[in-house]
N, C-alpha and C. Protein backbone atom coordinates (compact mmCIF):
# COMPACT_ATOMS: atom_id res chain seq x y z
N MET A 1 -55.52 -35.62 23.23
CA MET A 1 -55.00 -36.21 22.29
C MET A 1 -54.33 -35.76 20.79
N GLU A 2 -55.59 -34.64 20.45
CA GLU A 2 -55.39 -33.60 19.83
C GLU A 2 -54.45 -32.87 19.91
N ILE A 3 -54.57 -32.16 20.84
CA ILE A 3 -53.07 -31.37 21.52
C ILE A 3 -52.30 -31.67 21.32
N GLU A 4 -51.70 -32.90 21.67
CA GLU A 4 -50.05 -33.77 21.88
C GLU A 4 -49.53 -34.06 20.38
N ILE A 5 -51.06 -33.84 19.43
CA ILE A 5 -50.82 -34.21 17.57
C ILE A 5 -49.85 -32.64 17.63
N TYR A 6 -51.21 -31.98 18.15
CA TYR A 6 -50.32 -30.21 17.58
C TYR A 6 -49.05 -30.36 17.54
N ILE A 7 -48.67 -30.12 18.93
CA ILE A 7 -47.66 -30.13 19.46
C ILE A 7 -46.63 -30.71 19.04
N PHE A 8 -46.57 -31.88 18.70
CA PHE A 8 -45.80 -33.35 17.73
C PHE A 8 -45.21 -32.56 16.46
N ILE A 9 -46.87 -31.57 15.65
CA ILE A 9 -46.23 -31.30 14.59
C ILE A 9 -46.13 -29.80 14.58
N LEU A 10 -45.79 -29.46 15.29
CA LEU A 10 -45.39 -28.08 15.89
C LEU A 10 -43.88 -28.07 15.95
N GLY A 11 -43.19 -29.03 16.76
CA GLY A 11 -42.16 -29.79 17.50
C GLY A 11 -41.45 -30.05 16.34
N LEU A 12 -41.99 -30.49 14.97
CA LEU A 12 -41.38 -31.23 14.05
C LEU A 12 -41.23 -29.81 13.16
N ILE A 13 -41.70 -29.12 12.65
CA ILE A 13 -41.72 -27.70 11.95
C ILE A 13 -40.47 -26.64 12.71
N ALA A 14 -40.61 -26.93 14.00
CA ALA A 14 -39.62 -26.26 14.48
C ALA A 14 -38.22 -26.87 14.50
N GLY A 15 -37.89 -27.86 14.77
CA GLY A 15 -37.02 -28.99 14.38
C GLY A 15 -36.21 -28.77 13.26
N ALA A 16 -37.00 -28.97 11.76
CA ALA A 16 -36.85 -28.44 10.60
C ALA A 16 -36.34 -26.97 10.19
N VAL A 17 -36.94 -26.26 10.76
CA VAL A 17 -36.13 -24.78 11.04
C VAL A 17 -35.17 -24.32 11.68
N VAL A 18 -34.60 -25.52 12.57
CA VAL A 18 -33.61 -24.97 13.01
C VAL A 18 -32.43 -25.26 12.31
N VAL A 19 -32.86 -27.25 11.59
CA VAL A 19 -32.29 -28.10 10.97
C VAL A 19 -31.69 -27.26 10.01
N PHE A 20 -32.38 -25.88 8.80
CA PHE A 20 -32.21 -25.28 8.03
C PHE A 20 -31.69 -24.45 8.05
N LEU A 21 -30.96 -23.31 9.45
CA LEU A 21 -31.05 -22.53 9.67
C LEU A 21 -29.10 -23.12 9.92
N PHE A 22 -29.03 -23.99 10.14
CA PHE A 22 -27.40 -24.72 10.56
C PHE A 22 -26.85 -25.41 8.79
N LEU A 23 -27.53 -25.56 7.94
CA LEU A 23 -27.70 -26.19 7.11
C LEU A 23 -26.79 -25.29 5.62
N ARG A 24 -27.67 -24.13 6.21
CA ARG A 24 -27.33 -23.64 4.99
C ARG A 24 -26.23 -22.81 4.74
N LYS A 25 -25.92 -22.34 3.74
CA LYS A 25 -24.29 -22.10 3.20
C LYS A 25 -23.84 -20.37 3.88
N PRO A 26 -22.94 -20.10 4.95
CA PRO A 26 -23.36 -18.61 4.72
C PRO A 26 -22.88 -17.72 3.73
N LYS A 27 -23.70 -16.18 4.03
CA LYS A 27 -23.24 -15.02 2.76
C LYS A 27 -21.98 -15.21 2.76
N ILE A 28 -21.15 -15.30 3.88
CA ILE A 28 -19.71 -14.10 4.40
C ILE A 28 -19.27 -15.09 3.10
N LYS A 29 -18.26 -14.25 2.25
CA LYS A 29 -17.39 -14.96 1.38
C LYS A 29 -15.99 -15.45 1.88
N ILE A 30 -15.67 -16.46 2.80
CA ILE A 30 -14.25 -16.23 2.96
C ILE A 30 -13.02 -16.26 2.02
N LYS A 31 -11.75 -15.52 1.89
CA LYS A 31 -11.09 -15.61 0.95
C LYS A 31 -10.42 -16.80 1.53
N SER A 32 -9.52 -17.12 0.18
CA SER A 32 -8.28 -18.13 0.68
C SER A 32 -6.98 -16.82 1.44
N PRO A 33 -6.12 -17.60 1.95
CA PRO A 33 -4.94 -17.14 2.02
C PRO A 33 -4.16 -16.33 0.74
N ALA A 34 -4.66 -16.91 -0.09
CA ALA A 34 -3.72 -16.37 -1.29
C ALA A 34 -4.07 -15.55 -2.05
N GLU A 35 -5.42 -15.40 -2.13
CA GLU A 35 -6.37 -13.82 -1.54
C GLU A 35 -6.06 -12.91 -1.60
N ALA A 36 -6.33 -13.26 0.02
CA ALA A 36 -6.13 -12.37 0.94
C ALA A 36 -5.03 -11.81 0.80
N GLY A 37 -3.71 -12.56 0.22
CA GLY A 37 -2.24 -12.35 0.35
C GLY A 37 -1.86 -11.00 -1.05
N ARG A 38 -2.70 -11.69 -1.92
CA ARG A 38 -2.28 -10.21 -3.14
C ARG A 38 -3.11 -9.39 -2.96
N GLU A 39 -4.32 -9.28 -2.44
CA GLU A 39 -4.86 -8.08 -2.07
C GLU A 39 -4.12 -7.46 -1.40
N ASN A 40 -3.86 -7.50 -0.08
CA ASN A 40 -2.68 -6.73 0.57
C ASN A 40 -1.39 -6.50 -0.39
N LEU A 41 -0.83 -7.78 -0.90
CA LEU A 41 0.62 -6.79 -1.36
C LEU A 41 0.01 -5.64 -2.60
N ALA A 42 -1.01 -5.58 -3.37
CA ALA A 42 -1.48 -4.64 -3.72
C ALA A 42 -1.60 -3.69 -2.99
N THR A 43 -2.10 -3.44 -2.12
CA THR A 43 -2.71 -2.24 -1.08
C THR A 43 -0.97 -1.37 -1.24
N PHE A 44 -0.02 -2.33 -0.36
CA PHE A 44 0.98 -2.43 -0.01
C PHE A 44 1.75 -1.86 -1.51
N ASN A 45 2.07 -2.49 -2.21
CA ASN A 45 2.76 -1.57 -3.35
C ASN A 45 2.05 -0.24 -3.75
N ALA A 46 0.38 0.36 -3.77
CA ALA A 46 -0.30 1.31 -4.20
C ALA A 46 0.55 2.32 -3.25
N GLN A 47 0.26 1.86 -1.92
CA GLN A 47 0.85 2.85 -1.36
C GLN A 47 1.92 3.56 -1.22
N ARG A 48 2.88 2.58 -1.82
CA ARG A 48 4.46 2.71 -1.41
C ARG A 48 5.13 3.86 -2.53
N ASP A 49 4.05 3.33 -3.81
CA ASP A 49 4.11 4.00 -4.86
C ASP A 49 4.00 5.50 -4.97
N LYS A 50 3.23 5.34 -4.01
CA LYS A 50 2.22 6.82 -3.95
C LYS A 50 2.93 7.70 -2.57
N LYS A 51 3.73 6.83 -1.79
CA LYS A 51 4.77 7.76 -0.65
C LYS A 51 5.74 8.23 -1.83
N GLU A 52 6.73 7.32 -2.39
CA GLU A 52 7.84 7.86 -3.32
C GLU A 52 7.57 8.64 -4.55
N ALA A 53 6.68 9.09 -4.69
CA ALA A 53 5.71 9.99 -5.15
C ALA A 53 6.10 11.24 -4.42
N GLU A 54 5.22 11.15 -3.56
CA GLU A 54 5.39 12.19 -2.83
C GLU A 54 6.63 12.61 -2.53
N THR A 55 7.78 11.85 -2.34
CA THR A 55 8.97 12.02 -1.79
C THR A 55 9.64 12.87 -2.98
N LEU A 56 9.49 12.22 -4.06
CA LEU A 56 10.27 13.07 -5.70
C LEU A 56 9.76 14.05 -5.56
N ALA A 57 8.09 14.32 -5.76
CA ALA A 57 7.97 15.99 -5.38
C ALA A 57 8.04 17.14 -5.11
N LYS A 58 9.02 16.15 -3.57
CA LYS A 58 9.09 16.99 -2.19
C LYS A 58 11.06 17.34 -2.35
N ILE A 59 11.43 16.31 -3.26
CA ILE A 59 12.91 17.19 -3.59
C ILE A 59 12.72 17.60 -4.44
N LEU A 60 12.05 17.70 -5.50
CA LEU A 60 11.99 18.84 -6.58
C LEU A 60 11.24 19.76 -6.24
N ASP A 61 10.51 20.10 -4.88
CA ASP A 61 9.86 21.29 -4.47
C ASP A 61 11.69 22.20 -3.91
N PHE A 62 11.73 21.27 -3.05
CA PHE A 62 13.46 21.77 -2.59
C PHE A 62 13.95 22.09 -3.77
N ALA A 63 14.65 21.96 -4.74
CA ALA A 63 15.20 21.84 -5.43
C ALA A 63 15.03 23.28 -6.43
N GLU A 64 13.70 23.33 -6.30
CA GLU A 64 13.02 24.58 -7.68
C GLU A 64 13.17 25.85 -7.03
N GLY A 65 14.14 26.47 -5.93
CA GLY A 65 14.83 27.42 -5.44
C GLY A 65 15.81 27.68 -5.37
N LYS A 66 17.17 27.15 -6.06
CA LYS A 66 18.06 26.39 -5.96
C LYS A 66 19.14 26.43 -7.16
N GLU A 67 20.48 27.23 -7.25
CA GLU A 67 21.04 26.94 -7.98
C GLU A 67 21.00 25.20 -8.51
N LYS A 68 21.43 24.30 -6.72
CA LYS A 68 21.70 22.72 -7.01
C LYS A 68 22.09 22.32 -6.06
N ILE A 69 21.44 21.20 -5.59
CA ILE A 69 21.48 20.23 -4.84
C ILE A 69 22.12 19.31 -4.08
N THR A 70 22.49 18.74 -3.22
CA THR A 70 23.42 17.75 -2.98
C THR A 70 22.24 16.32 -2.19
N ASN A 71 23.41 15.45 -2.30
CA ASN A 71 22.99 14.29 -1.74
C ASN A 71 22.74 14.57 -0.03
N ASP A 72 23.92 15.39 0.28
CA ASP A 72 23.55 15.59 2.05
C ASP A 72 22.62 16.44 2.34
N GLU A 73 22.24 17.41 1.20
CA GLU A 73 21.11 17.95 1.77
C GLU A 73 19.83 17.62 1.23
N VAL A 74 19.72 16.53 0.57
CA VAL A 74 18.24 16.08 0.52
C VAL A 74 18.52 14.86 1.64
N GLN A 75 19.28 14.69 1.93
CA GLN A 75 19.34 13.45 3.53
C GLN A 75 19.11 14.09 4.58
N LYS A 76 19.20 15.32 4.87
CA LYS A 76 18.45 16.13 6.21
C LYS A 76 17.80 16.16 6.12
N LEU A 77 16.58 16.59 4.41
CA LEU A 77 15.53 17.08 4.60
C LEU A 77 14.74 16.10 4.89
N LEU A 78 14.43 14.96 4.13
CA LEU A 78 13.74 13.80 4.27
C LEU A 78 14.33 13.05 5.56
N ASN A 79 15.13 12.94 6.14
CA ASN A 79 15.72 12.25 7.32
C ASN A 79 15.61 10.50 7.00
N VAL A 80 16.47 10.40 5.76
CA VAL A 80 16.97 9.11 4.91
C VAL A 80 18.11 8.85 5.27
N SER A 81 18.48 7.19 4.67
CA SER A 81 19.93 7.14 4.77
C SER A 81 20.55 7.88 3.50
N ASP A 82 21.68 7.38 3.01
CA ASP A 82 22.46 7.81 1.96
C ASP A 82 22.20 7.59 0.50
N THR A 83 21.87 5.81 1.04
CA THR A 83 21.27 5.12 0.06
C THR A 83 20.69 5.55 -0.55
N SER A 84 19.38 5.37 0.11
CA SER A 84 17.59 5.75 -0.39
C SER A 84 17.68 7.71 -0.98
N VAL A 85 18.79 8.35 -0.75
CA VAL A 85 18.90 9.13 -1.47
C VAL A 85 19.11 9.31 -2.70
N GLY A 86 20.25 8.24 -2.79
CA GLY A 86 20.58 8.46 -4.21
C GLY A 86 19.81 7.63 -5.04
N ARG A 87 19.07 6.69 -4.46
CA ARG A 87 17.88 6.06 -5.28
C ARG A 87 16.46 7.01 -5.43
N TYR A 88 16.48 7.63 -4.47
CA TYR A 88 15.78 9.00 -5.26
C TYR A 88 16.21 9.81 -6.55
N LEU A 89 17.16 10.32 -6.08
CA LEU A 89 17.67 11.61 -6.70
C LEU A 89 18.14 10.73 -8.12
N ASP A 90 18.85 9.12 -8.46
CA ASP A 90 18.88 8.41 -9.83
C ASP A 90 17.89 8.43 -10.22
N GLU A 91 16.62 8.04 -9.38
CA GLU A 91 15.26 8.07 -10.03
C GLU A 91 14.26 9.41 -10.97
N LEU A 92 14.85 10.65 -10.62
CA LEU A 92 14.44 11.91 -11.03
C LEU A 92 15.58 12.12 -11.88
N GLU A 93 16.78 11.84 -11.85
CA GLU A 93 17.83 11.74 -13.48
C GLU A 93 17.14 11.23 -14.13
N LYS A 94 16.65 9.89 -14.11
CA LYS A 94 16.04 8.87 -14.94
C LYS A 94 15.02 9.62 -16.09
N GLN A 95 14.33 10.18 -15.01
CA GLN A 95 12.86 11.07 -15.42
C GLN A 95 13.04 12.52 -16.50
N GLY A 96 14.66 12.89 -16.08
CA GLY A 96 14.99 13.91 -16.69
C GLY A 96 14.84 14.94 -15.95
N LYS A 97 14.35 15.53 -14.90
CA LYS A 97 14.39 16.08 -14.04
C LYS A 97 15.05 16.84 -13.07
N LEU A 98 16.81 16.09 -12.92
CA LEU A 98 17.26 16.67 -12.72
C LEU A 98 18.61 15.98 -12.76
N LYS A 99 19.91 16.68 -13.28
CA LYS A 99 20.81 16.64 -14.13
C LYS A 99 22.10 16.44 -12.91
N GLN A 100 22.68 15.44 -13.13
CA GLN A 100 23.76 15.44 -12.11
C GLN A 100 25.40 15.57 -12.71
N ILE A 101 25.57 16.43 -11.86
CA ILE A 101 27.04 17.40 -12.49
C ILE A 101 28.23 16.51 -11.68
N ALA A 102 29.37 16.10 -12.21
CA ALA A 102 30.13 14.84 -11.90
C ALA A 102 29.71 13.53 -12.03
N ASP A 103 30.57 12.69 -11.25
CA ASP A 103 30.22 11.23 -11.20
C ASP A 103 30.49 10.47 -9.66
N THR A 104 31.19 10.67 -9.23
CA THR A 104 31.17 9.91 -8.00
C THR A 104 31.95 11.51 -7.55
N GLY A 105 31.90 10.88 -5.99
CA GLY A 105 32.89 11.59 -4.60
C GLY A 105 31.65 12.80 -4.14
N ARG A 106 32.28 14.07 -3.66
CA ARG A 106 32.07 14.70 -2.66
C ARG A 106 31.44 16.17 -3.67
N GLY A 107 31.99 15.82 -4.65
CA GLY A 107 31.84 17.06 -5.78
C GLY A 107 30.34 16.32 -6.96
N VAL A 108 29.93 15.41 -6.24
CA VAL A 108 28.67 14.87 -6.92
C VAL A 108 28.17 16.24 -6.62
N TYR A 109 26.87 16.71 -7.33
CA TYR A 109 25.67 17.84 -6.89
C TYR A 109 24.71 17.95 -8.68
N TYR A 110 22.96 18.13 -8.30
CA TYR A 110 22.36 17.61 -8.89
C TYR A 110 21.89 19.52 -9.03
N THR A 111 21.55 19.47 -10.50
CA THR A 111 20.87 20.36 -10.60
C THR A 111 19.27 20.51 -11.94
N LYS A 112 18.69 22.13 -11.96
CA LYS A 112 17.42 21.26 -12.68
C LYS A 112 17.62 21.98 -14.06
N PRO A 113 17.51 20.74 -15.37
CA PRO A 113 17.96 20.53 -16.60
C PRO A 113 17.45 22.25 -17.42
């Protein structure tokens, strides 16, 4: 009879431990989709900005030893579209690192100021 009481008490304790383990809150913080999206967007933007800065530096290095550079030369250097090169060159012009000569057409080229 005594052994049965001990087994019963041991079973109650084991059951309480199991219930406790299943009902406690997990330690892992699960992020909401909105939080995860904001972090992913911030990471994406940082990587994009870094890549753009590297590309602008590459264009400036290319222009370093030359009197002038053209959109077509930069397009071949970077292997990107004409529109992308135009954006990059406009940005360098806004920063004052390149100067555009002529307004439009085939006669447009860029020089170091």
